[in-house]
Protein backbone atom coordinates (compact mmCIF):
# COMPACT_ATOMS: atom_id res chain seq x y z
CA MET A 1 33.65 -24.44 14.35
CA LYS A 2 31.81 -27.47 12.80
CA TYR A 3 28.82 -25.76 13.99
CA ASP A 4 29.51 -22.77 12.32
CA ARG A 5 30.16 -23.85 8.70
CA LEU A 6 27.40 -26.08 9.13
CA ALA A 7 25.17 -23.18 9.60
CA ALA A 8 26.88 -21.09 7.27
CA SER A 9 26.14 -23.93 4.45
CA VAL A 10 22.83 -24.28 5.49
CA PHE A 11 22.03 -20.47 5.45
CA CYS A 12 23.79 -20.17 2.24
CA ALA A 13 21.79 -23.04 0.62
CA ILE A 14 18.37 -21.60 1.85
CA LEU A 15 19.57 -17.94 0.41
CA PHE A 16 20.43 -19.64 -2.88
CA ILE A 17 17.03 -21.31 -2.90
CA SER A 18 15.16 -18.23 -2.01
CA PHE A 19 16.63 -16.30 -4.82
CA THR A 20 16.02 -18.70 -6.88
CA VAL A 21 12.25 -19.07 -6.03
CA SER A 22 12.36 -15.32 -6.06
CA ALA A 23 13.90 -14.85 -9.52
CA ARG A 24 11.41 -17.58 -11.18
CA GLN A 25 8.25 -15.49 -9.20
CA HIS A 26 9.65 -12.32 -10.92
CA LYS A 27 10.07 -13.70 -14.03
CA HIS A 28 6.46 -15.22 -14.12
CA ASP A 29 4.93 -12.02 -13.08
CA GLN A 30 6.83 -10.02 -15.60
CA HIS A 31 5.28 -12.52 -18.06
CA ASP A 32 1.94 -11.90 -16.28
CA HIS A 33 2.13 -8.74 -16.40
CA HIS A 34 3.29 -8.45 -20.39
CA ALA A 35 0.50 -10.59 -21.18
CA GLU A 36 -1.84 -8.48 -19.33
CA VAL A 37 -0.87 -5.30 -21.20
CA ASN A 38 -1.13 -7.13 -25.06
CA LYS A 39 -4.65 -8.33 -23.55
CA ARG A 40 -5.57 -4.91 -22.89
CA GLY A 41 -3.89 -3.60 -25.63
CA ASP A 42 -5.64 -5.61 -28.08
CA LYS A 43 -8.90 -4.62 -26.28
CA THR A 44 -8.08 -0.84 -26.33
CA MET A 45 -6.78 -0.24 -29.58
CA GLY A 46 -8.83 -2.42 -31.79
CA PHE A 47 -6.25 -4.48 -33.27
CA SER A 48 -3.96 -7.74 -32.21
CA HIS A 49 -0.42 -6.90 -30.85
CA LEU A 50 0.63 -10.15 -32.65
CA MET A 51 -0.31 -8.81 -36.12
CA THR A 52 1.36 -5.60 -35.92
CA THR A 53 4.89 -3.88 -34.84
CA HIS A 54 5.03 -1.13 -32.18
CA ARG A 55 7.93 0.87 -32.61
CA PHE A 56 8.26 3.86 -29.68
CA ARG A 57 11.66 6.62 -30.89
CA LEU A 58 12.87 9.46 -29.26
CA PHE A 59 14.20 12.56 -30.97
CA GLU A 60 15.58 15.81 -29.86
CA ASP A 61 12.37 17.42 -30.35
CA GLY A 62 9.85 14.80 -28.85
CA GLY A 63 9.44 11.21 -30.41
CA ALA A 64 6.96 9.22 -32.54
CA ILE A 65 4.80 6.14 -31.99
CA GLU A 66 4.74 3.97 -34.82
CA VAL A 67 2.36 1.00 -35.55
CA GLU A 68 2.56 -1.05 -38.89
CA ILE A 69 1.50 -4.13 -40.17
CA ASN A 70 3.29 -7.29 -40.26
CA ASP A 71 1.44 -8.90 -43.03
CA PRO A 72 1.13 -6.54 -46.31
CA ASN A 73 -1.95 -7.57 -47.23
CA ASP A 74 -3.68 -7.37 -43.87
CA SER A 75 -5.76 -4.30 -45.07
CA ASP A 76 -8.08 -4.68 -41.91
CA SER A 77 -5.41 -4.14 -39.30
CA ARG A 78 -3.75 -1.41 -41.18
CA ALA A 79 -7.24 0.98 -41.22
CA LYS A 80 -7.56 0.15 -37.50
CA ILE A 81 -4.04 1.27 -36.74
CA GLN A 82 -4.49 4.70 -38.70
CA LYS A 83 -7.95 5.03 -36.99
CA HIS A 84 -6.49 4.20 -33.54
CA LEU A 85 -3.52 6.45 -34.04
CA ASN A 86 -5.69 9.07 -35.26
CA LYS A 87 -7.64 9.05 -32.16
CA ILE A 88 -4.31 8.99 -30.16
CA ALA A 89 -3.17 12.26 -31.89
CA GLU A 90 -6.25 13.84 -30.91
CA ARG A 91 -6.47 12.89 -27.44
CA PHE A 92 -3.56 13.41 -26.49
CA GLY A 93 -3.31 16.94 -27.76
CA VAL A 94 -6.14 17.74 -25.25
CA GLY A 95 -4.32 16.05 -22.37
CA ASP A 96 -6.61 12.79 -22.54
CA PHE A 97 -4.22 9.87 -21.88
CA ALA A 98 -6.90 7.45 -20.77
CA MET A 99 -6.07 4.71 -23.44
CA PRO A 100 -2.58 4.21 -22.44
CA MET A 101 -3.47 4.22 -18.40
CA ALA A 102 -6.03 1.33 -19.77
CA ILE A 103 -3.26 -0.78 -21.40
CA HIS A 104 -0.76 -0.77 -18.88
CA ALA A 105 -2.86 -0.86 -15.98
CA GLN A 106 -1.15 2.52 -14.41
CA THR A 107 -0.20 6.04 -15.31
CA PRO A 108 2.95 5.74 -17.15
CA PRO A 109 5.91 7.99 -16.37
CA GLY A 110 5.69 11.43 -18.05
CA VAL A 111 1.84 11.69 -18.70
CA ALA A 112 0.82 14.17 -15.82
CA VAL A 113 3.63 16.63 -17.43
CA MET A 114 2.79 16.04 -20.44
CA SER A 115 -0.95 16.81 -19.80
CA ASP A 116 0.00 19.76 -17.78
CA LEU A 117 2.21 21.38 -20.89
CA LYS A 118 -0.13 20.20 -23.54
CA ALA A 119 -0.37 23.74 -24.86
CA ASP A 120 3.34 23.28 -25.55
CA ILE A 121 3.14 19.83 -27.14
CA ALA A 122 1.90 19.14 -30.79
CA TYR A 123 0.73 15.64 -31.86
CA LYS A 124 0.82 14.71 -35.57
CA TYR A 125 -0.84 11.84 -37.38
CA GLU A 126 0.90 10.62 -40.23
CA ASP A 127 0.12 7.73 -42.46
CA THR A 128 3.18 5.34 -43.24
CA GLY A 129 1.69 3.16 -45.93
CA HIS A 130 1.46 0.05 -43.58
CA GLY A 131 0.43 1.60 -40.69
CA GLY A 132 0.76 5.23 -39.22
CA ARG A 133 2.69 7.22 -36.55
CA VAL A 134 2.26 9.84 -34.26
CA ARG A 135 5.02 12.38 -34.01
CA ILE A 136 5.14 13.94 -30.97
CA ILE A 137 7.07 17.57 -31.23
CA SER A 138 7.90 20.09 -28.41
CA LYS A 139 10.26 23.08 -28.16
CA SER A 140 9.96 22.92 -24.30
CA ARG A 141 12.64 21.08 -22.26
CA ASP A 142 10.33 20.17 -19.88
CA ALA A 143 7.99 18.91 -22.47
CA ILE A 144 10.60 16.99 -24.30
CA ALA A 145 11.77 15.14 -21.03
CA ALA A 146 8.26 13.88 -19.99
CA VAL A 147 7.71 12.85 -23.47
CA HIS A 148 11.05 10.51 -23.44
CA GLU A 149 10.36 9.34 -20.14
CA PHE A 150 6.82 8.41 -21.62
CA LEU A 151 8.31 6.58 -24.70
CA ARG A 152 10.87 4.98 -22.31
CA PHE A 153 8.37 3.47 -20.35
CA GLN A 154 6.57 2.17 -23.48
CA ILE A 155 9.67 0.64 -24.94
CA GLN A 156 9.92 -1.24 -21.39
CA ASP A 157 6.03 -2.43 -20.91
CA HIS A 158 5.70 -2.84 -24.46
CA LYS A 159 9.36 -5.45 -24.84
CA THR A 160 9.95 -3.66 -28.05
CA ASN A 161 13.61 -3.52 -28.07
CA ASP A 162 13.73 0.00 -29.50
CA SER A 163 16.64 2.27 -28.50
CA PRO A 164 15.98 4.32 -25.40
CA GLU A 165 18.26 6.92 -26.81
CA VAL A 166 17.69 9.95 -28.31
CA GLU A 167 18.33 9.57 -32.38
CA LYS A 168 19.09 12.54 -34.30
CA ARG A 169 16.47 13.54 -37.00
CA GLN A 170 17.87 14.15 -40.82
């Protein structure tokens, strides 16, 4: 009986230690992944993630990718944001998702369907004064579902804390 209790206690201690080490390693791996996403993003986008704010929004007809400068006097970053988002709208419109794949080091969810249904999705660049926005619009349910999947992945991988819920446009 004592042996069973001792064995159970040792087993629980080993399990606890393993779980703690695994959780710490997972947290470390997530931090490393996020740091690499930011590093690749800075290089690919041409501006610093530290000097800008990214937002990903889901709408009933698609969604939006928004990037704005943190310092209203940072005209250099604003110009780079606007150039990048214009390029994103053009490239996504022809089904080219090489940039997000380079930033995330993987094919983001939704990209395959968005590429297949490129004729059903419009990507419109809009200037916001402090940066820009790419509005993603479709009437196709399959395309909208893929856009939402893509944007939810962006929210998670960029750690923006944006809502993964669909907003009603007014």
